[in-house]
C-alpha cells in the first residue's frame, strides 16, 4: 500500500510524477494507493481513473473549531484580544483561507 499526501505541493517534475502515480495502480490488486491533495486540474487529469472522495471540512465545523481554539488560547492567556470585531476578523480569515482543509 502506498499513501501520498500533499500532491498539490509538488513543484519539481510535477507532471512526470503524476504520470508515474497514474500508472502505479494499473496492475490491479497488487498495489493499493491513496493520494491526498487539494483539487487541481493537472492532478485531476493524470489521476482521472482513480476514485475521488472529498474530505473537505464544512465551514460550520471549521468555525466551531476556530472559535474553540481562540477561546482556549484566550483563557490560557496565550492570546489577548480585547476587540470582538478583531476576534471575528481573525476567525473569518482563518476559515476563508483554510479552503476546506
N, C-alpha and C. Protein backbone atom coordinates (compact mmCIF):
# COMPACT_ATOMS: atom_id res chain seq x y z
N UNK A 1 0.84 -1.17 0.00
CA UNK A 1 0.00 0.00 0.00
C UNK A 1 0.89 1.24 0.00
N UNK A 2 0.49 2.21 -0.80
CA UNK A 2 1.22 3.48 -0.89
C UNK A 2 0.24 4.60 -0.57
N UNK A 3 0.61 5.46 0.39
CA UNK A 3 -0.21 6.62 0.74
C UNK A 3 0.65 7.87 0.55
N UNK A 4 0.15 8.79 -0.27
CA UNK A 4 0.86 10.04 -0.51
C UNK A 4 -0.07 11.21 -0.22
N UNK A 5 0.39 12.14 0.59
CA UNK A 5 -0.39 13.32 0.93
C UNK A 5 0.32 14.55 0.38
N UNK A 6 -0.46 15.54 -0.01
CA UNK A 6 0.12 16.82 -0.44
C UNK A 6 0.59 16.83 -1.87
N UNK A 7 -0.08 16.10 -2.75
CA UNK A 7 0.34 16.10 -4.16
C UNK A 7 0.37 17.51 -4.75
N UNK A 8 -0.52 18.37 -4.29
CA UNK A 8 -0.58 19.74 -4.79
C UNK A 8 0.66 20.55 -4.40
N UNK A 9 1.46 20.06 -3.48
CA UNK A 9 2.66 20.77 -3.05
C UNK A 9 3.90 20.39 -3.85
N UNK A 10 3.76 19.43 -4.74
CA UNK A 10 4.89 19.02 -5.58
C UNK A 10 5.15 20.11 -6.61
N UNK A 11 6.41 20.51 -6.75
CA UNK A 11 6.73 21.55 -7.73
C UNK A 11 7.74 21.06 -8.77
N UNK A 12 8.67 20.22 -8.39
CA UNK A 12 9.70 19.74 -9.30
C UNK A 12 9.22 18.47 -10.01
N UNK A 13 9.31 18.45 -11.32
CA UNK A 13 8.94 17.30 -12.16
C UNK A 13 7.51 16.84 -11.87
N UNK A 14 6.65 17.78 -11.61
CA UNK A 14 5.28 17.50 -11.21
C UNK A 14 4.53 16.59 -12.19
N UNK A 15 4.55 16.91 -13.47
CA UNK A 15 3.81 16.12 -14.46
C UNK A 15 4.37 14.71 -14.59
N UNK A 16 5.68 14.58 -14.52
CA UNK A 16 6.29 13.24 -14.58
C UNK A 16 5.87 12.39 -13.38
N UNK A 17 5.82 13.02 -12.23
CA UNK A 17 5.42 12.30 -11.01
C UNK A 17 3.96 11.86 -11.10
N UNK A 18 3.08 12.75 -11.57
CA UNK A 18 1.67 12.40 -11.68
C UNK A 18 1.45 11.28 -12.68
N UNK A 19 2.21 11.31 -13.76
CA UNK A 19 2.09 10.24 -14.76
C UNK A 19 2.53 8.90 -14.16
N UNK A 20 3.62 8.92 -13.42
CA UNK A 20 4.09 7.71 -12.74
C UNK A 20 3.06 7.20 -11.75
N UNK A 21 2.49 8.10 -10.95
CA UNK A 21 1.48 7.70 -9.97
C UNK A 21 0.25 7.13 -10.65
N UNK A 22 -0.13 7.73 -11.78
CA UNK A 22 -1.28 7.24 -12.52
C UNK A 22 -1.08 5.84 -13.04
N UNK A 23 0.15 5.45 -13.31
CA UNK A 23 0.46 4.12 -13.81
C UNK A 23 0.67 3.09 -12.70
N UNK A 24 0.83 3.55 -11.47
CA UNK A 24 1.12 2.64 -10.34
C UNK A 24 0.06 1.57 -10.15
N UNK A 25 -1.18 1.94 -10.24
CA UNK A 25 -2.26 1.01 -9.93
C UNK A 25 -2.79 0.27 -11.15
N UNK A 26 -2.06 0.31 -12.23
CA UNK A 26 -2.55 -0.38 -13.43
C UNK A 26 -2.53 -1.90 -13.25
N UNK A 27 -1.67 -2.37 -12.37
CA UNK A 27 -1.61 -3.79 -12.06
C UNK A 27 -2.61 -4.06 -10.92
N UNK A 28 -3.88 -4.17 -11.28
CA UNK A 28 -4.99 -4.23 -10.32
C UNK A 28 -4.77 -5.29 -9.25
N UNK A 29 -4.99 -4.86 -8.01
CA UNK A 29 -4.94 -5.78 -6.89
C UNK A 29 -3.57 -5.94 -6.26
N UNK A 30 -2.54 -5.53 -6.94
CA UNK A 30 -1.20 -5.73 -6.39
C UNK A 30 -0.73 -4.53 -5.58
N UNK A 31 -1.02 -3.33 -6.07
CA UNK A 31 -0.62 -2.12 -5.35
C UNK A 31 -1.87 -1.31 -5.05
N UNK A 32 -2.08 -1.03 -3.77
CA UNK A 32 -3.19 -0.18 -3.37
C UNK A 32 -2.63 1.21 -3.10
N UNK A 33 -3.34 2.23 -3.58
CA UNK A 33 -2.83 3.59 -3.43
C UNK A 33 -3.90 4.51 -2.85
N UNK A 34 -3.45 5.53 -2.13
CA UNK A 34 -4.30 6.60 -1.67
C UNK A 34 -3.51 7.89 -1.85
N UNK A 35 -4.06 8.80 -2.63
CA UNK A 35 -3.42 10.09 -2.88
C UNK A 35 -4.29 11.18 -2.28
N UNK A 36 -3.70 12.10 -1.55
CA UNK A 36 -4.44 13.20 -0.95
C UNK A 36 -3.90 14.52 -1.49
N UNK A 37 -4.83 15.41 -1.84
CA UNK A 37 -4.44 16.68 -2.43
C UNK A 37 -5.62 17.62 -2.48
N UNK A 38 -5.31 18.90 -2.56
CA UNK A 38 -6.35 19.85 -2.94
C UNK A 38 -6.65 19.59 -4.41
N UNK A 39 -7.84 19.95 -4.82
CA UNK A 39 -8.22 19.70 -6.21
C UNK A 39 -7.53 20.71 -7.13
N UNK A 40 -6.76 20.18 -8.07
CA UNK A 40 -6.10 20.98 -9.10
C UNK A 40 -6.26 20.27 -10.42
N UNK A 41 -6.40 21.04 -11.50
CA UNK A 41 -6.75 20.45 -12.79
C UNK A 41 -5.73 19.44 -13.30
N UNK A 42 -4.44 19.73 -13.17
CA UNK A 42 -3.44 18.79 -13.69
C UNK A 42 -3.43 17.48 -12.90
N UNK A 43 -3.66 17.56 -11.61
CA UNK A 43 -3.73 16.35 -10.79
C UNK A 43 -4.96 15.54 -11.21
N UNK A 44 -6.08 16.22 -11.36
CA UNK A 44 -7.31 15.55 -11.79
C UNK A 44 -7.16 14.87 -13.14
N UNK A 45 -6.43 15.50 -14.05
CA UNK A 45 -6.25 14.93 -15.38
C UNK A 45 -5.44 13.63 -15.32
N UNK A 46 -4.31 13.67 -14.64
CA UNK A 46 -3.43 12.49 -14.61
C UNK A 46 -3.97 11.36 -13.73
N UNK A 47 -4.81 11.70 -12.79
CA UNK A 47 -5.33 10.67 -11.89
C UNK A 47 -6.84 10.48 -12.07
N UNK A 48 -7.32 10.77 -13.27
CA UNK A 48 -8.76 10.74 -13.54
C UNK A 48 -9.40 9.36 -13.40
N UNK A 49 -8.64 8.30 -13.59
CA UNK A 49 -9.23 6.96 -13.49
C UNK A 49 -9.31 6.45 -12.05
N UNK A 50 -8.82 7.23 -11.10
CA UNK A 50 -8.93 6.87 -9.69
C UNK A 50 -10.25 7.37 -9.13
N UNK A 51 -10.78 6.66 -8.16
CA UNK A 51 -11.99 7.11 -7.48
C UNK A 51 -11.66 8.34 -6.65
N UNK A 52 -12.56 9.32 -6.66
CA UNK A 52 -12.34 10.55 -5.90
C UNK A 52 -13.27 10.58 -4.70
N UNK A 53 -12.75 11.11 -3.60
CA UNK A 53 -13.53 11.24 -2.38
C UNK A 53 -13.19 12.60 -1.77
N UNK A 54 -14.19 13.42 -1.56
CA UNK A 54 -13.96 14.74 -0.97
C UNK A 54 -14.02 14.63 0.54
N UNK A 55 -13.00 15.17 1.19
CA UNK A 55 -12.97 15.16 2.66
C UNK A 55 -12.85 16.58 3.20
N UNK A 56 -13.21 17.56 2.40
CA UNK A 56 -13.11 18.95 2.82
C UNK A 56 -14.02 19.20 4.02
N UNK A 57 -13.51 19.95 4.96
CA UNK A 57 -14.29 20.28 6.14
C UNK A 57 -15.34 21.33 5.78
N UNK A 58 -16.48 21.24 6.42
CA UNK A 58 -17.52 22.24 6.22
C UNK A 58 -17.17 23.49 7.02
N UNK A 59 -17.53 24.64 6.47
CA UNK A 59 -17.17 25.89 7.15
C UNK A 59 -17.80 25.98 8.54
N UNK A 60 -18.97 25.36 8.74
CA UNK A 60 -19.59 25.40 10.07
C UNK A 60 -18.72 24.64 11.09
N UNK A 61 -18.11 23.52 10.67
CA UNK A 61 -17.21 22.78 11.56
C UNK A 61 -15.94 23.56 11.83
N UNK A 62 -15.42 24.18 10.77
CA UNK A 62 -14.21 24.98 10.93
C UNK A 62 -14.46 26.16 11.88
N UNK A 63 -15.63 26.78 11.73
CA UNK A 63 -15.97 27.91 12.58
C UNK A 63 -16.00 27.49 14.06
N UNK A 64 -16.62 26.35 14.34
CA UNK A 64 -16.66 25.85 15.72
C UNK A 64 -15.26 25.57 16.25
N UNK A 65 -14.43 24.93 15.42
CA UNK A 65 -13.08 24.59 15.84
C UNK A 65 -12.25 25.85 16.10
N UNK A 66 -12.30 26.79 15.17
CA UNK A 66 -11.51 28.03 15.31
C UNK A 66 -11.98 28.82 16.53
N UNK A 67 -13.29 28.93 16.71
CA UNK A 67 -13.82 29.64 17.88
C UNK A 67 -13.36 28.99 19.17
N UNK A 68 -13.39 27.67 19.21
CA UNK A 68 -12.96 26.94 20.39
C UNK A 68 -11.48 27.16 20.68
N UNK A 69 -10.67 27.11 19.63
CA UNK A 69 -9.22 27.32 19.80
C UNK A 69 -8.92 28.73 20.27
N UNK A 70 -9.60 29.71 19.72
CA UNK A 70 -9.39 31.10 20.15
C UNK A 70 -9.77 31.25 21.62
N UNK A 71 -10.93 30.73 21.99
CA UNK A 71 -11.37 30.83 23.39
C UNK A 71 -10.41 30.13 24.34
N UNK A 72 -9.92 28.96 23.96
CA UNK A 72 -8.95 28.23 24.78
C UNK A 72 -7.67 29.04 24.96
N UNK A 73 -7.19 29.63 23.89
CA UNK A 73 -5.95 30.41 23.97
C UNK A 73 -6.14 31.70 24.76
N UNK A 74 -7.33 32.30 24.67
CA UNK A 74 -7.62 33.49 25.49
C UNK A 74 -7.65 33.10 26.96
N UNK A 75 -8.33 31.99 27.26
CA UNK A 75 -8.43 31.52 28.64
C UNK A 75 -7.06 31.19 29.23
N UNK A 76 -6.18 30.62 28.41
CA UNK A 76 -4.83 30.26 28.88
C UNK A 76 -3.86 31.43 28.82
N UNK A 77 -4.37 32.58 28.39
CA UNK A 77 -3.59 33.81 28.27
C UNK A 77 -2.45 33.69 27.26
N UNK A 78 -2.69 32.85 26.24
CA UNK A 78 -1.74 32.74 25.13
C UNK A 78 -2.10 33.72 24.02
N UNK A 79 -3.31 34.28 24.11
CA UNK A 79 -3.81 35.21 23.10
C UNK A 79 -4.62 36.28 23.81
N UNK A 80 -4.36 37.53 23.46
CA UNK A 80 -5.10 38.63 24.07
C UNK A 80 -5.83 39.40 22.98
N UNK A 81 -7.13 39.32 23.02
CA UNK A 81 -7.96 40.07 22.07
C UNK A 81 -9.01 40.82 22.89
N UNK A 82 -8.98 42.13 22.80
CA UNK A 82 -9.94 42.93 23.56
C UNK A 82 -11.08 43.43 22.68
N UNK A 83 -10.88 43.40 21.39
CA UNK A 83 -11.87 43.90 20.45
C UNK A 83 -12.63 42.73 19.81
N UNK A 84 -13.94 42.60 20.06
CA UNK A 84 -14.71 41.50 19.46
C UNK A 84 -14.69 41.51 17.94
N UNK A 85 -14.57 42.69 17.35
CA UNK A 85 -14.50 42.77 15.88
C UNK A 85 -13.21 42.15 15.36
N UNK A 86 -12.12 42.34 16.11
CA UNK A 86 -10.84 41.74 15.72
C UNK A 86 -10.92 40.22 15.82
N UNK A 87 -11.54 39.73 16.87
CA UNK A 87 -11.72 38.29 17.04
C UNK A 87 -12.51 37.72 15.86
N UNK A 88 -13.57 38.39 15.47
CA UNK A 88 -14.40 37.94 14.35
C UNK A 88 -13.60 37.99 13.04
N UNK A 89 -12.79 39.00 12.86
CA UNK A 89 -11.97 39.12 11.65
C UNK A 89 -10.93 38.00 11.58
N UNK A 90 -10.32 37.67 12.69
CA UNK A 90 -9.36 36.57 12.75
C UNK A 90 -10.05 35.26 12.37
N UNK A 91 -11.21 35.03 12.94
CA UNK A 91 -11.95 33.80 12.64
C UNK A 91 -12.31 33.74 11.15
N UNK A 92 -12.81 34.84 10.62
CA UNK A 92 -13.22 34.87 9.22
C UNK A 92 -12.05 34.56 8.29
N UNK A 93 -10.93 35.18 8.54
CA UNK A 93 -9.76 34.96 7.66
C UNK A 93 -9.23 33.54 7.77
N UNK A 94 -9.16 33.00 8.96
CA UNK A 94 -8.68 31.63 9.12
C UNK A 94 -9.60 30.64 8.39
N UNK A 95 -10.90 30.83 8.53
CA UNK A 95 -11.86 29.93 7.89
C UNK A 95 -11.81 30.08 6.37
N UNK A 96 -11.77 31.33 5.88
CA UNK A 96 -11.72 31.56 4.43
C UNK A 96 -10.45 30.99 3.81
N UNK A 97 -9.34 31.17 4.48
CA UNK A 97 -8.05 30.71 3.92
C UNK A 97 -7.81 29.22 4.10
N UNK A 98 -8.59 28.57 4.96
CA UNK A 98 -8.43 27.13 5.18
C UNK A 98 -8.78 26.33 3.94
N UNK A 99 -9.65 26.86 3.11
CA UNK A 99 -10.01 26.23 1.84
C UNK A 99 -10.40 24.77 2.01
N UNK A 100 -11.20 24.48 3.04
CA UNK A 100 -11.70 23.12 3.24
C UNK A 100 -10.74 22.16 3.89
N UNK A 101 -9.60 22.64 4.38
CA UNK A 101 -8.61 21.74 4.99
C UNK A 101 -9.09 21.26 6.33
